[in-house]
N, C-alpha and C. Protein backbone atom coordinates (compact mmCIF):
# COMPACT_ATOMS: atom_id res chain seq x y z
N MET A 1 -1.98 1.57 -5.19
CA MET A 1 -1.85 1.16 -6.46
C MET A 1 -1.61 1.40 -7.17
N LEU A 2 -0.63 0.71 -8.19
CA LEU A 2 0.88 1.92 -9.34
C LEU A 2 0.20 1.47 -10.87
N GLU A 3 -0.60 0.36 -10.78
CA GLU A 3 -0.98 0.04 -12.70
C GLU A 3 -1.26 -0.86 -12.30
N VAL A 4 -2.46 -1.03 -13.15
CA VAL A 4 -3.01 -2.41 -13.48
C VAL A 4 -1.98 -3.26 -14.57
N ASP A 5 -1.57 -4.83 -14.60
CA ASP A 5 -0.96 -5.05 -15.06
C ASP A 5 -1.74 -6.11 -16.15
N ARG A 6 -2.89 -6.46 -15.85
CA ARG A 6 -3.43 -7.68 -17.08
C ARG A 6 -5.27 -7.31 -16.66
N ALA A 7 -6.05 -7.28 -17.40
CA ALA A 7 -7.21 -7.66 -16.86
C ALA A 7 -7.69 -8.29 -18.47
N ARG A 8 -8.50 -9.62 -17.98
CA ARG A 8 -8.91 -10.75 -18.37
C ARG A 8 -10.25 -10.95 -17.95
N ILE A 9 -11.18 -11.26 -19.04
CA ILE A 9 -12.70 -11.08 -18.52
C ILE A 9 -13.17 -12.42 -19.73
N ARG A 10 -13.87 -12.97 -18.96
CA ARG A 10 -14.52 -14.05 -20.24
C ARG A 10 -15.94 -14.58 -19.36
N ARG A 11 -17.05 -14.54 -20.23
CA ARG A 11 -18.15 -15.06 -19.78
C ARG A 11 -18.52 -16.22 -20.49
N ALA A 12 -19.21 -17.06 -19.25
CA ALA A 12 -20.10 -18.66 -19.20
C ALA A 12 -21.03 -18.52 -19.43
N GLY A 13 -22.05 -18.90 -20.22
CA GLY A 13 -22.68 -19.01 -20.23
C GLY A 13 -23.73 -17.30 -19.56
N ASN A 14 -24.02 -16.97 -18.40
CA ASN A 14 -25.29 -16.05 -18.00
C ASN A 14 -23.70 -15.33 -16.87
N ARG A 15 -22.74 -15.44 -16.86
CA ARG A 15 -21.78 -15.10 -15.69
C ARG A 15 -19.95 -14.66 -16.39
N TYR A 16 -20.25 -13.74 -15.67
CA TYR A 16 -18.79 -12.85 -16.10
C TYR A 16 -17.71 -13.96 -15.32
N PHE A 17 -15.89 -14.11 -15.67
CA PHE A 17 -15.08 -14.34 -15.19
C PHE A 17 -13.98 -13.22 -14.91
N ALA A 18 -13.87 -12.86 -13.88
CA ALA A 18 -12.78 -11.22 -14.43
C ALA A 18 -11.21 -11.70 -13.57
N ASP A 19 -10.50 -11.89 -14.48
CA ASP A 19 -9.43 -11.74 -13.88
C ASP A 19 -8.66 -11.09 -13.43
N LEU A 20 -7.76 -10.09 -12.75
CA LEU A 20 -7.01 -8.93 -12.85
C LEU A 20 -5.47 -9.07 -12.03
N SER A 21 -4.22 -8.71 -12.92
CA SER A 21 -3.68 -8.33 -11.95
C SER A 21 -2.96 -7.26 -11.67
N ILE A 22 -2.77 -6.63 -9.94
CA ILE A 22 -2.48 -5.27 -10.29
C ILE A 22 -1.03 -4.95 -9.70
N GLY A 23 -0.32 -3.24 -9.93
CA GLY A 23 1.06 -3.66 -9.16
C GLY A 23 0.80 -2.90 -7.88
N LEU A 24 1.64 -3.27 -7.10
CA LEU A 24 1.52 -2.13 -5.74
C LEU A 24 2.54 -2.20 -5.04
N ALA A 25 2.61 -1.38 -4.64
CA ALA A 25 4.27 -0.71 -3.79
C ALA A 25 4.63 -2.13 -3.32
N ARG A 26 6.35 -2.37 -3.67
CA ARG A 26 6.56 -2.66 -2.48
C ARG A 26 6.54 -2.85 -0.89
N THR A 27 6.77 -2.00 -0.51
CA THR A 27 6.86 -1.46 0.51
C THR A 27 5.54 -1.62 1.50
N VAL A 28 4.36 -2.01 0.46
CA VAL A 28 3.35 -2.20 1.17
C VAL A 28 3.21 -3.71 1.70
N THR A 29 2.73 -3.49 2.86
CA THR A 29 2.51 -4.81 4.07
C THR A 29 1.11 -5.89 3.25
N PHE A 30 1.77 -7.19 3.40
CA PHE A 30 0.56 -8.36 3.05
C PHE A 30 -0.78 -7.76 3.22
N GLN A 31 -1.08 -7.67 4.43
CA GLN A 31 -2.38 -6.95 5.04
C GLN A 31 -3.30 -5.80 4.37
N HIS A 32 -2.27 -5.40 4.31
CA HIS A 32 -2.63 -4.29 3.34
C HIS A 32 -3.21 -3.97 1.67
N SER A 33 -1.91 -5.05 1.22
CA SER A 33 -2.15 -5.45 0.04
C SER A 33 -3.03 -6.51 -0.59
N GLU A 34 -4.56 -7.04 0.47
CA GLU A 34 -5.06 -7.90 0.70
C GLU A 34 -6.64 -6.87 0.75
N HIS A 35 -6.29 -5.91 1.60
CA HIS A 35 -7.07 -4.88 1.40
C HIS A 35 -7.85 -3.80 0.30
N VAL A 36 -6.07 -3.94 -0.76
CA VAL A 36 -6.62 -3.13 -1.67
C VAL A 36 -7.11 -3.84 -2.87
N ALA A 37 -6.58 -5.56 -2.98
CA ALA A 37 -7.48 -6.72 -3.78
C ALA A 37 -8.90 -6.47 -3.86
N ASP A 38 -9.20 -6.74 -2.26
CA ASP A 38 -10.99 -6.70 -2.08
C ASP A 38 -11.06 -5.12 -2.89
N ALA A 39 -10.81 -4.39 -2.36
CA ALA A 39 -11.57 -2.83 -2.82
C ALA A 39 -11.50 -2.82 -4.73
N VAL A 40 -10.54 -3.46 -5.44
CA VAL A 40 -10.54 -3.49 -6.84
C VAL A 40 -11.54 -4.35 -6.96
N ALA A 41 -11.87 -5.95 -6.60
CA ALA A 41 -12.91 -6.62 -6.72
C ALA A 41 -13.93 -6.04 -6.36
N GLU A 42 -14.49 -5.56 -5.25
CA GLU A 42 -15.52 -3.57 -5.09
C GLU A 42 -15.95 -3.75 -6.71
N ALA A 43 -14.97 -3.02 -6.51
CA ALA A 43 -15.01 -1.54 -7.88
C ALA A 43 -15.83 -2.78 -9.81
N VAL A 44 -15.12 -3.63 -9.33
CA VAL A 44 -15.29 -4.64 -10.51
C VAL A 44 -17.06 -5.00 -10.31
N HIS A 45 -17.00 -5.49 -8.86
CA HIS A 45 -18.71 -5.58 -9.16
C HIS A 45 -19.81 -4.52 -9.14
N HIS A 46 -19.26 -3.78 -9.09
CA HIS A 46 -19.85 -2.66 -9.38
C HIS A 46 -20.40 -2.21 -11.03
N VAL A 47 -19.87 -3.27 -11.56
CA VAL A 47 -19.73 -2.70 -12.96
C VAL A 47 -20.89 -4.44 -13.69
N LEU A 48 -19.88 -5.12 -12.95
CA LEU A 48 -20.21 -6.72 -13.09
C LEU A 48 -20.91 -7.49 -12.05
N PRO A 49 -22.45 -6.83 -11.21
CA PRO A 49 -22.25 -7.27 -10.28
C PRO A 49 -22.15 -8.99 -10.00
N ASP A 50 -22.52 -9.72 -10.65
CA ASP A 50 -22.21 -11.42 -10.43
C ASP A 50 -21.41 -11.70 -10.98
N ALA A 51 -19.88 -11.21 -11.13
CA ALA A 51 -18.87 -11.82 -11.76
C ALA A 51 -17.95 -12.48 -10.28
N ASP A 52 -17.47 -13.58 -11.09
CA ASP A 52 -16.51 -14.05 -9.84
C ASP A 52 -14.70 -13.17 -10.14
N VAL A 53 -14.71 -12.53 -9.32
CA VAL A 53 -13.33 -12.09 -9.33
C VAL A 53 -12.16 -12.43 -8.66
N THR A 54 -11.26 -12.35 -9.42
CA THR A 54 -10.01 -12.69 -8.81
C THR A 54 -8.53 -12.03 -9.02
N VAL A 55 -8.02 -11.19 -8.11
CA VAL A 55 -7.20 -10.37 -8.42
C VAL A 55 -5.69 -10.40 -7.49
N HIS A 56 -4.82 -10.60 -8.64
CA HIS A 56 -3.41 -10.48 -8.15
C HIS A 56 -2.86 -10.09 -7.73
N SER A 57 -2.00 -9.82 -6.16
CA SER A 57 -1.00 -8.87 -6.28
C SER A 57 -0.03 -8.48 -6.80
N VAL A 58 1.04 -7.61 -7.44
CA VAL A 58 1.85 -8.31 -7.87
C VAL A 58 3.29 -6.36 -7.42
N PRO A 59 4.15 -7.00 -6.38
CA PRO A 59 4.96 -6.06 -6.29
C PRO A 59 5.84 -5.05 -7.28
N ARG A 60 5.88 -3.74 -6.56
CA ARG A 60 6.48 -3.28 -7.72
C ARG A 60 6.98 -1.73 -7.15
N ALA A 61 8.63 -1.74 -7.64
CA ALA A 61 9.05 0.03 -6.93
C ALA A 61 8.15 0.91 -6.84
N GLY A 62 8.39 1.76 -6.30
CA GLY A 62 7.55 3.08 -6.17
C GLY A 62 8.10 3.74 -7.26
N ARG A 63 7.67 5.06 -7.88
CA ARG A 63 8.34 5.59 -8.54
C ARG A 63 8.93 6.99 -7.95
N THR A 64 7.94 7.07 -6.89
CA THR A 64 8.69 7.76 -5.67
C THR A 64 9.70 7.19 -4.53
N GLU A 65 9.81 6.25 -4.98
CA GLU A 65 11.07 5.11 -3.57
C GLU A 65 12.04 6.34 -3.72
N ASN A 66 12.63 6.68 -2.26
CA ASN A 66 14.52 6.80 -1.66
C ASN A 66 14.73 5.72 -0.97
N ILE A 67 15.89 5.97 -0.76
CA ILE A 67 16.91 5.01 -0.39
C ILE A 67 16.80 4.12 0.68
N PHE A 68 15.91 5.04 1.67
CA PHE A 68 15.02 4.44 3.25
C PHE A 68 13.96 3.41 2.49
N ASP A 69 13.06 3.76 1.59
CA ASP A 69 11.99 2.63 0.95
C ASP A 69 12.79 1.65 0.11
N GLN A 70 14.18 1.83 -0.16
CA GLN A 70 14.75 0.49 -1.09
C GLN A 70 14.98 -0.05 0.06
N ILE A 71 16.30 0.22 0.98
CA ILE A 71 16.17 -0.76 2.28
C ILE A 71 15.29 -1.70 2.65
N ARG A 72 14.01 -0.72 3.12
CA ARG A 72 12.70 -1.67 4.18
C ARG A 72 12.13 -2.40 3.22
N ALA A 73 12.16 -2.39 1.68
CA ALA A 73 11.93 -3.12 1.21
C ALA A 73 12.40 -4.62 0.80
N VAL A 74 13.50 -4.34 0.75
CA VAL A 74 14.76 -5.31 0.54
C VAL A 74 15.08 -6.62 1.57
N ALA A 75 14.40 -5.23 3.35
CA ALA A 75 14.22 -6.28 4.17
C ALA A 75 12.26 -7.19 4.53
N THR A 76 11.64 -6.18 4.14
CA THR A 76 10.18 -6.65 3.67
C THR A 76 10.23 -8.03 2.97
N ARG A 77 10.96 -8.06 1.82
CA ARG A 77 11.52 -9.57 0.85
C ARG A 77 11.59 -10.48 1.72
N HIS A 78 12.05 -10.40 3.00
CA HIS A 78 13.02 -11.66 3.62
C HIS A 78 11.69 -11.47 4.80
N ASN A 79 10.76 -11.06 4.89
CA ASN A 79 10.00 -11.01 6.68
C ASN A 79 10.52 -10.81 7.70
N LEU A 80 11.02 -9.38 7.00
CA LEU A 80 12.30 -9.44 8.30
C LEU A 80 11.37 -7.57 8.68
N ASN A 81 11.70 -7.05 9.66
CA ASN A 81 11.62 -5.57 10.57
C ASN A 81 13.38 -4.92 10.55
N VAL A 82 13.10 -3.90 9.42
CA VAL A 82 14.51 -3.43 10.06
C VAL A 82 13.63 -1.68 10.41
N HIS A 83 14.59 -1.42 11.35
CA HIS A 83 13.90 0.17 12.04
C HIS A 83 14.98 0.84 12.29
N ASP A 84 15.21 2.40 12.51
CA ASP A 84 16.50 2.86 12.92
C ASP A 84 17.39 3.35 11.79
N VAL A 85 17.14 3.19 10.52
CA VAL A 85 17.95 3.22 9.39
C VAL A 85 18.31 4.30 9.53
N SER A 86 19.53 5.30 9.35
CA SER A 86 20.22 6.41 9.19
C SER A 86 20.98 6.35 8.05
N VAL A 87 20.87 7.27 7.48
CA VAL A 87 22.16 6.56 5.87
C VAL A 87 23.06 8.74 5.78
N GLN A 88 24.18 8.29 6.39
CA GLN A 88 25.32 9.62 6.14
C GLN A 88 25.86 9.71 5.13
N ASP A 89 26.25 10.90 4.31
CA ASP A 89 26.49 10.88 2.76
C ASP A 89 27.93 11.98 3.36
N LEU A 90 28.76 11.26 3.13
CA LEU A 90 30.24 11.27 3.65
C LEU A 90 31.47 11.34 2.33
N ARG A 91 31.61 12.46 1.63
CA ARG A 91 32.49 12.61 0.54
C ARG A 91 31.63 12.01 -0.78
N GLY A 92 30.10 12.23 -0.94
CA GLY A 92 29.80 11.11 -2.02
C GLY A 92 29.47 10.19 -1.77
N ARG A 93 30.19 9.48 -0.43
CA ARG A 93 30.19 8.10 -0.39
C ARG A 93 28.59 7.79 1.11
N LEU A 94 28.19 6.66 0.09
CA LEU A 94 26.83 6.48 1.12
C LEU A 94 26.87 5.19 2.07
N HIS A 95 26.79 5.94 3.27
CA HIS A 95 26.77 5.30 4.89
C HIS A 95 25.00 4.40 5.33
N VAL A 96 25.68 3.70 5.64
CA VAL A 96 24.09 2.87 6.19
C VAL A 96 24.39 2.40 7.37
N GLU A 97 23.01 2.73 8.57
CA GLU A 97 23.45 1.87 10.11
C GLU A 97 21.81 1.79 10.19
N GLN A 98 21.70 0.40 10.35
CA GLN A 98 20.46 0.21 10.49
C GLN A 98 20.59 -1.06 11.42
N HIS A 99 19.26 -1.13 11.89
CA HIS A 99 18.62 -1.94 13.37
C HIS A 99 17.87 -3.00 12.67
N LEU A 100 18.09 -3.99 12.72
CA LEU A 100 17.40 -5.59 12.08
C LEU A 100 16.85 -6.51 13.58
N GLU A 101 15.87 -6.23 13.82
CA GLU A 101 15.65 -7.85 14.25
C GLU A 101 15.31 -9.25 14.24
N MET A 102 15.85 -10.45 14.46
CA MET A 102 16.41 -11.24 14.16
C MET A 102 15.14 -12.42 15.69
N ASP A 103 14.91 -13.38 15.16
CA ASP A 103 14.31 -13.97 16.09
C ASP A 103 15.61 -15.20 17.04
N GLU A 104 14.83 -14.49 18.35
CA GLU A 104 15.58 -14.81 18.83
C GLU A 104 16.28 -16.62 19.40
N ARG A 105 15.79 -17.48 18.60
CA ARG A 105 15.97 -18.59 18.37
C ARG A 105 17.36 -19.67 17.56
N LEU A 106 17.38 -17.82 16.87
CA LEU A 106 18.49 -18.58 16.04
C LEU A 106 20.02 -17.98 16.80
N SER A 107 20.85 -19.09 16.18
CA SER A 107 22.15 -18.93 16.45
C SER A 107 23.06 -17.66 16.13
N LEU A 108 24.37 -17.23 17.02
CA LEU A 108 24.55 -15.97 16.66
C LEU A 108 25.17 -16.04 15.43
N LYS A 109 25.90 -17.60 14.72
CA LYS A 109 26.48 -17.33 13.23
C LYS A 109 25.30 -17.75 12.46
N GLU A 110 23.93 -18.39 12.55
CA GLU A 110 22.52 -17.87 11.64
C GLU A 110 22.27 -16.80 11.18
N ALA A 111 22.46 -16.13 12.32
CA ALA A 111 21.70 -14.65 12.45
C ALA A 111 22.90 -14.24 11.53
N HIS A 112 24.14 -13.75 11.71
CA HIS A 112 25.17 -13.31 10.84
C HIS A 112 25.09 -13.58 9.42
N ASP A 113 24.58 -14.50 9.12
CA ASP A 113 25.08 -15.17 7.70
C ASP A 113 23.93 -14.36 7.23
N ARG A 114 22.13 -14.56 7.24
CA ARG A 114 21.18 -13.96 7.54
C ARG A 114 21.74 -12.28 7.19
N VAL A 115 22.02 -12.50 8.12
CA VAL A 115 22.17 -10.31 8.14
C VAL A 115 23.53 -9.65 6.66
N THR A 116 24.55 -11.21 6.50
CA THR A 116 25.91 -10.50 5.92
C THR A 116 25.32 -10.85 4.37
N ALA A 117 23.73 -11.24 3.82
CA ALA A 117 23.15 -11.89 2.31
C ALA A 117 22.35 -10.68 2.27
N LEU A 118 21.84 -10.46 3.77
CA LEU A 118 20.45 -9.33 3.01
C LEU A 118 21.48 -7.89 3.22
N GLU A 119 22.37 -8.16 3.60
CA GLU A 119 23.36 -6.50 3.22
C GLU A 119 23.48 -6.46 1.76
N ALA A 120 24.20 -8.15 1.78
CA ALA A 120 24.68 -8.12 -0.32
C ALA A 120 23.73 -7.09 -0.98
N GLU A 121 22.19 -7.88 -0.53
CA GLU A 121 21.35 -7.72 -1.67
C GLU A 121 20.99 -5.88 -1.27
N MET A 122 20.90 -5.57 -0.34
CA MET A 122 20.80 -4.09 -0.38
C MET A 122 21.80 -3.67 -1.08
N ARG A 123 23.31 -3.62 -0.95
CA ARG A 123 24.43 -2.73 -2.19
C ARG A 123 23.72 -3.20 -3.57
N GLU A 124 23.48 -4.72 -4.02
CA GLU A 124 22.98 -4.87 -5.04
C GLU A 124 21.61 -4.00 -5.66
N GLU A 125 20.35 -3.68 -4.83
CA GLU A 125 19.36 -2.81 -5.23
C GLU A 125 20.42 -1.78 -4.85
N VAL A 126 20.70 -1.13 -4.21
CA VAL A 126 21.62 0.71 -4.33
C VAL A 126 22.49 1.01 -4.72
N PRO A 127 23.79 0.68 -5.25
CA PRO A 127 24.80 0.70 -5.79
C PRO A 127 25.34 1.87 -4.90
N GLU A 128 24.69 3.23 -4.51
CA GLU A 128 25.32 3.73 -4.30
C GLU A 128 26.16 3.61 -2.88
N ILE A 129 24.73 2.36 -2.00
CA ILE A 129 25.94 2.11 -1.05
C ILE A 129 27.18 1.70 -0.63
N SER A 130 28.18 2.36 0.26
CA SER A 130 29.37 2.07 -0.04
C SER A 130 29.48 0.97 1.77
N SER A 131 28.66 0.97 3.15
CA SER A 131 29.20 0.69 3.64
C SER A 131 28.29 0.53 4.40
N ILE A 132 27.49 -0.54 4.94
CA ILE A 132 26.82 -1.28 5.99
C ILE A 132 26.47 -1.33 7.13
N LEU A 133 26.17 -0.58 8.43
CA LEU A 133 26.09 -1.63 9.66
C LEU A 133 25.16 -1.49 9.95
N THR A 134 25.26 -3.46 10.42
CA THR A 134 23.78 -4.05 10.93
C THR A 134 23.72 -3.68 12.43
N HIS A 135 23.41 -3.41 13.24
CA HIS A 135 22.78 -3.82 14.69
C HIS A 135 21.47 -4.95 14.70
N ILE A 136 21.94 -6.14 15.15
CA ILE A 136 21.32 -7.20 15.33
C ILE A 136 20.42 -7.37 16.90
N GLU A 137 19.27 -7.21 16.74
CA GLU A 137 18.48 -7.28 17.53
C GLU A 137 17.42 -8.72 17.63
N SER A 138 17.48 -8.82 19.19
CA SER A 138 16.57 -10.47 19.37
C SER A 138 14.81 -9.92 19.15
N GLU A 139 14.36 -10.64 18.65
CA GLU A 139 12.81 -10.22 17.96
C GLU A 139 12.24 -11.27 19.27
N PRO A 140 11.72 -10.97 20.33
CA PRO A 140 10.92 -12.26 21.32
C PRO A 140 9.91 -12.91 20.07
N SER A 141 9.98 -14.14 21.19
CA SER A 141 9.49 -15.26 20.59
C SER A 141 8.75 -15.67 21.72
N THR A 142 8.88 -15.56 22.61
CA THR A 142 8.72 -16.10 23.65
C THR A 142 7.81 -15.15 24.92
N ILE A 143 6.96 -15.82 25.81
CA ILE A 143 6.20 -15.02 26.97
C ILE A 143 7.24 -14.90 27.82
N GLU A 144 7.52 -13.76 28.52
CA GLU A 144 8.82 -14.10 29.94
C GLU A 144 7.69 -13.51 31.00
N GLU A 145 8.09 -14.74 32.28
CA GLU A 145 7.47 -14.11 33.14
C GLU A 145 7.88 -13.16 33.97
N GLY A 146 7.24 -12.14 34.73
CA GLY A 146 7.45 -11.16 35.69
C GLY A 146 6.84 -10.75 36.87
N ASP A 147 7.04 -10.42 37.34
CA ASP A 147 6.83 -9.55 38.80
C ASP A 147 5.49 -8.91 38.63
N GLU A 148 5.25 -8.58 39.67
CA GLU A 148 4.03 -7.62 39.95
C GLU A 148 4.69 -6.20 39.96
N VAL A 149 3.77 -5.61 39.11
CA VAL A 149 3.62 -4.03 39.06
C VAL A 149 3.72 -3.41 40.37
N MET A 150 4.90 -2.69 40.39
CA MET A 150 5.24 -2.32 41.78
C MET A 150 5.23 -0.73 41.41
N ARG A 151 5.03 -0.03 42.96
CA ARG A 151 5.69 1.57 42.65
C ARG A 151 5.94 1.78 43.40
N ASP A 152 6.67 2.84 43.33
CA ASP A 152 7.84 3.68 43.89
C ASP A 152 8.46 4.74 43.11
N ALA A 153 7.16 5.36 44.30
CA ALA A 153 7.02 6.71 44.38
C ALA A 153 8.57 8.09 44.13
N ALA A 154 9.71 7.03 45.02
CA ALA A 154 10.97 8.30 44.64
C ALA A 154 11.08 7.60 43.15
N LEU A 155 11.07 6.48 42.50
CA LEU A 155 11.67 6.07 41.42
C LEU A 155 10.42 7.25 40.67
N GLU A 156 9.55 7.62 40.60
CA GLU A 156 8.51 8.07 39.88
C GLU A 156 8.96 10.08 39.82
N ARG A 157 9.29 10.27 41.10
CA ARG A 157 9.83 11.90 40.83
C ARG A 157 10.81 11.96 40.48
N ARG A 158 11.88 11.15 40.24
CA ARG A 158 12.76 11.14 39.81
C ARG A 158 12.71 11.52 38.20
N LEU A 159 11.96 10.32 37.30
CA LEU A 159 11.61 10.20 36.15
C LEU A 159 10.89 11.81 35.87
N LYS A 160 9.74 12.17 36.75
CA LYS A 160 9.47 13.05 36.16
C LYS A 160 10.09 14.76 36.46
N ALA A 161 10.88 14.52 36.88
CA ALA A 161 11.94 15.40 37.72
C ALA A 161 12.59 15.60 35.52
N ILE A 162 12.99 14.30 35.51
CA ILE A 162 13.87 14.72 34.43
C ILE A 162 12.74 15.06 32.85
N ALA A 163 11.82 14.57 33.30
CA ALA A 163 10.95 14.78 32.03
C ALA A 163 10.76 16.38 31.60
N ALA A 164 10.78 16.91 33.05
CA ALA A 164 10.10 18.72 33.44
C ALA A 164 11.44 19.19 32.95
N GLU A 165 13.05 18.72 32.26
CA GLU A 165 14.18 19.38 31.75
C GLU A 165 13.76 19.32 30.21
N PHE A 166 13.03 19.03 29.68
CA PHE A 166 13.00 18.85 28.00
C PHE A 166 10.86 19.98 28.40
N PRO A 167 11.51 20.74 27.61
CA PRO A 167 10.55 21.97 27.25
C PRO A 167 9.52 21.14 27.02
N GLU A 168 9.60 20.12 25.64
CA GLU A 168 8.99 19.60 24.55
C GLU A 168 7.71 18.41 25.05
N VAL A 169 7.93 17.67 26.55
CA VAL A 169 7.28 17.20 27.89
C VAL A 169 6.61 18.32 28.47
N LEU A 170 5.36 17.95 27.82
CA LEU A 170 4.17 18.90 28.52
C LEU A 170 3.44 18.48 29.93
N ASP A 171 3.45 16.82 30.11
CA ASP A 171 2.36 16.10 30.97
C ASP A 171 3.74 14.85 31.07
N MET A 172 3.82 14.03 32.20
CA MET A 172 4.28 13.03 32.35
C MET A 172 3.14 12.18 32.74
N HIS A 173 3.05 11.04 32.61
CA HIS A 173 1.45 9.97 33.87
C HIS A 173 1.76 8.85 33.56
N GLU A 174 1.08 7.85 33.79
CA GLU A 174 1.01 6.87 33.81
C GLU A 174 2.00 5.73 33.59
N VAL A 175 2.94 5.86 34.53
CA VAL A 175 4.08 5.07 34.73
C VAL A 175 3.75 3.72 35.35
N GLN A 176 4.66 2.86 34.99
CA GLN A 176 4.24 1.73 34.81
C GLN A 176 5.66 0.88 35.28
N ILE A 177 6.41 0.63 36.37
CA ILE A 177 7.35 -0.09 36.20
C ILE A 177 6.96 -1.89 37.01
N LYS A 178 7.83 -2.36 36.41
CA LYS A 178 8.15 -4.50 36.62
C LYS A 178 9.66 -4.67 36.80
N ARG A 179 9.38 -5.47 36.86
CA ARG A 179 10.17 -6.33 37.16
C ARG A 179 10.70 -7.85 36.43
N VAL A 180 11.12 -7.53 35.43
CA VAL A 180 11.80 -9.27 34.94
C VAL A 180 13.55 -9.01 34.47
N ARG A 181 12.91 -10.76 34.88
CA ARG A 181 14.60 -11.44 35.13
C ARG A 181 15.58 -10.59 35.70
N GLY A 182 14.94 -9.89 36.69
CA GLY A 182 15.84 -9.20 37.47
C GLY A 182 16.33 -7.99 37.01
N ARG A 183 15.67 -7.57 36.03
CA ARG A 183 15.73 -5.76 35.60
C ARG A 183 14.44 -5.31 36.27
N LEU A 184 15.02 -3.98 36.08
CA LEU A 184 13.42 -3.14 36.30
C LEU A 184 13.00 -2.73 34.94
N TYR A 185 11.74 -2.75 34.03
CA TYR A 185 11.08 -1.70 33.15
C TYR A 185 10.46 -0.87 33.65
N VAL A 186 10.63 0.32 33.28
CA VAL A 186 9.79 1.23 33.07
C VAL A 186 9.27 1.67 32.04
N SER A 187 7.76 2.04 31.80
CA SER A 187 7.40 3.18 30.76
C SER A 187 6.59 3.39 31.10
N CYS A 188 6.13 4.71 30.33
CA CYS A 188 4.95 5.65 30.62
C CYS A 188 4.27 6.86 29.76
N HIS A 189 3.73 7.25 29.99
CA HIS A 189 2.81 7.82 28.69
C HIS A 189 3.26 9.48 29.29
N CYS A 190 3.75 10.28 27.89
CA CYS A 190 4.17 11.76 27.57
C CYS A 190 3.01 12.28 26.68
N THR A 191 2.83 14.28 27.36
CA THR A 191 2.12 14.18 26.24
C THR A 191 2.96 16.04 25.66
N LEU A 192 2.91 15.62 24.15
CA LEU A 192 3.76 16.56 23.56
C LEU A 192 2.85 17.26 22.31
N SER A 193 3.48 18.30 22.31
CA SER A 193 3.09 19.56 21.26
C SER A 193 2.14 18.78 20.06
N ASP A 194 1.47 19.04 19.46
CA ASP A 194 0.71 18.28 18.47
C ASP A 194 1.80 18.85 17.62
N GLU A 195 2.66 19.92 17.40
CA GLU A 195 2.92 20.21 15.84
C GLU A 195 4.79 19.89 15.96
N LEU A 196 4.89 18.86 16.99
CA LEU A 196 6.08 18.49 17.04
C LEU A 196 6.46 17.35 16.38
N HIS A 197 7.90 17.31 15.75
CA HIS A 197 7.79 16.41 14.62
C HIS A 197 8.53 15.33 14.98
N CYS A 198 8.23 13.84 14.35
CA CYS A 198 9.09 12.65 15.46
C CYS A 198 9.89 12.98 14.91
N ARG A 199 10.75 13.34 14.72
CA ARG A 199 12.24 13.05 14.97
C ARG A 199 12.76 13.53 16.23
N ALA A 200 11.62 14.50 16.64
CA ALA A 200 12.13 15.23 17.98
C ALA A 200 11.74 14.54 19.48
N CYS A 201 10.72 13.32 19.30
CA CYS A 201 10.44 12.86 19.87
C CYS A 201 11.28 11.86 20.80
N THR A 202 12.44 11.76 20.17
CA THR A 202 13.72 10.73 21.04
C THR A 202 14.51 11.24 21.98
N ILE A 203 13.82 10.83 23.54
CA ILE A 203 14.35 11.88 24.83
C ILE A 203 15.47 10.49 25.35
N SER A 204 17.03 10.49 25.28
CA SER A 204 17.58 9.31 25.55
C SER A 204 18.10 10.53 27.34
N ARG A 205 18.29 9.98 28.73
CA ARG A 205 18.68 10.80 29.99
C ARG A 205 19.29 9.54 30.62
N PRO A 206 20.24 9.65 31.17
CA PRO A 206 20.41 8.66 32.39
C PRO A 206 19.44 8.72 33.89
N ILE A 207 19.43 7.67 34.27
CA ILE A 207 18.46 7.67 35.32
C ILE A 207 19.33 7.95 36.04
């Protein structure tokens, strides 16, 4: 919680009514904002046990926001999920690259129009941005039919051999193979060192 914008208290008979407006960081999710509002109402009840409490949350730009927070805040405002955001400083000009999930039922034009409007809003929010490259990804909205999970001992051995090439991977287990729409989907669990940074957790290697 960044601030209390307003606090109004009135009394009717033997009962109090409290109306509060609180400023929350705009990167806070809607679900988390509800938890904060509930905690504020509970704190008021410690002072006025029988009060009728209403808490309104207002999104605010945080004092410690960086460019990544600002970009995600714009996407969140439109209920869009942006990830894998990278920013490059090329001779004093900022270039942004991001991946944006769009409803798979949208036409290509509809998705492109929404991305164009979103990029314009991001530039307005952060004037230092010189260019934005957005990779449009489909956000699944349907449950896909898949074949049974199958075991492929040879493929599992190849996967484990590849994992063994990376010293960060201490162990690989629970390999799961599925076939969906004629394509193989492989997932597995890897044990990594507790001290490893998240940035080093991306492993890319052709099978």
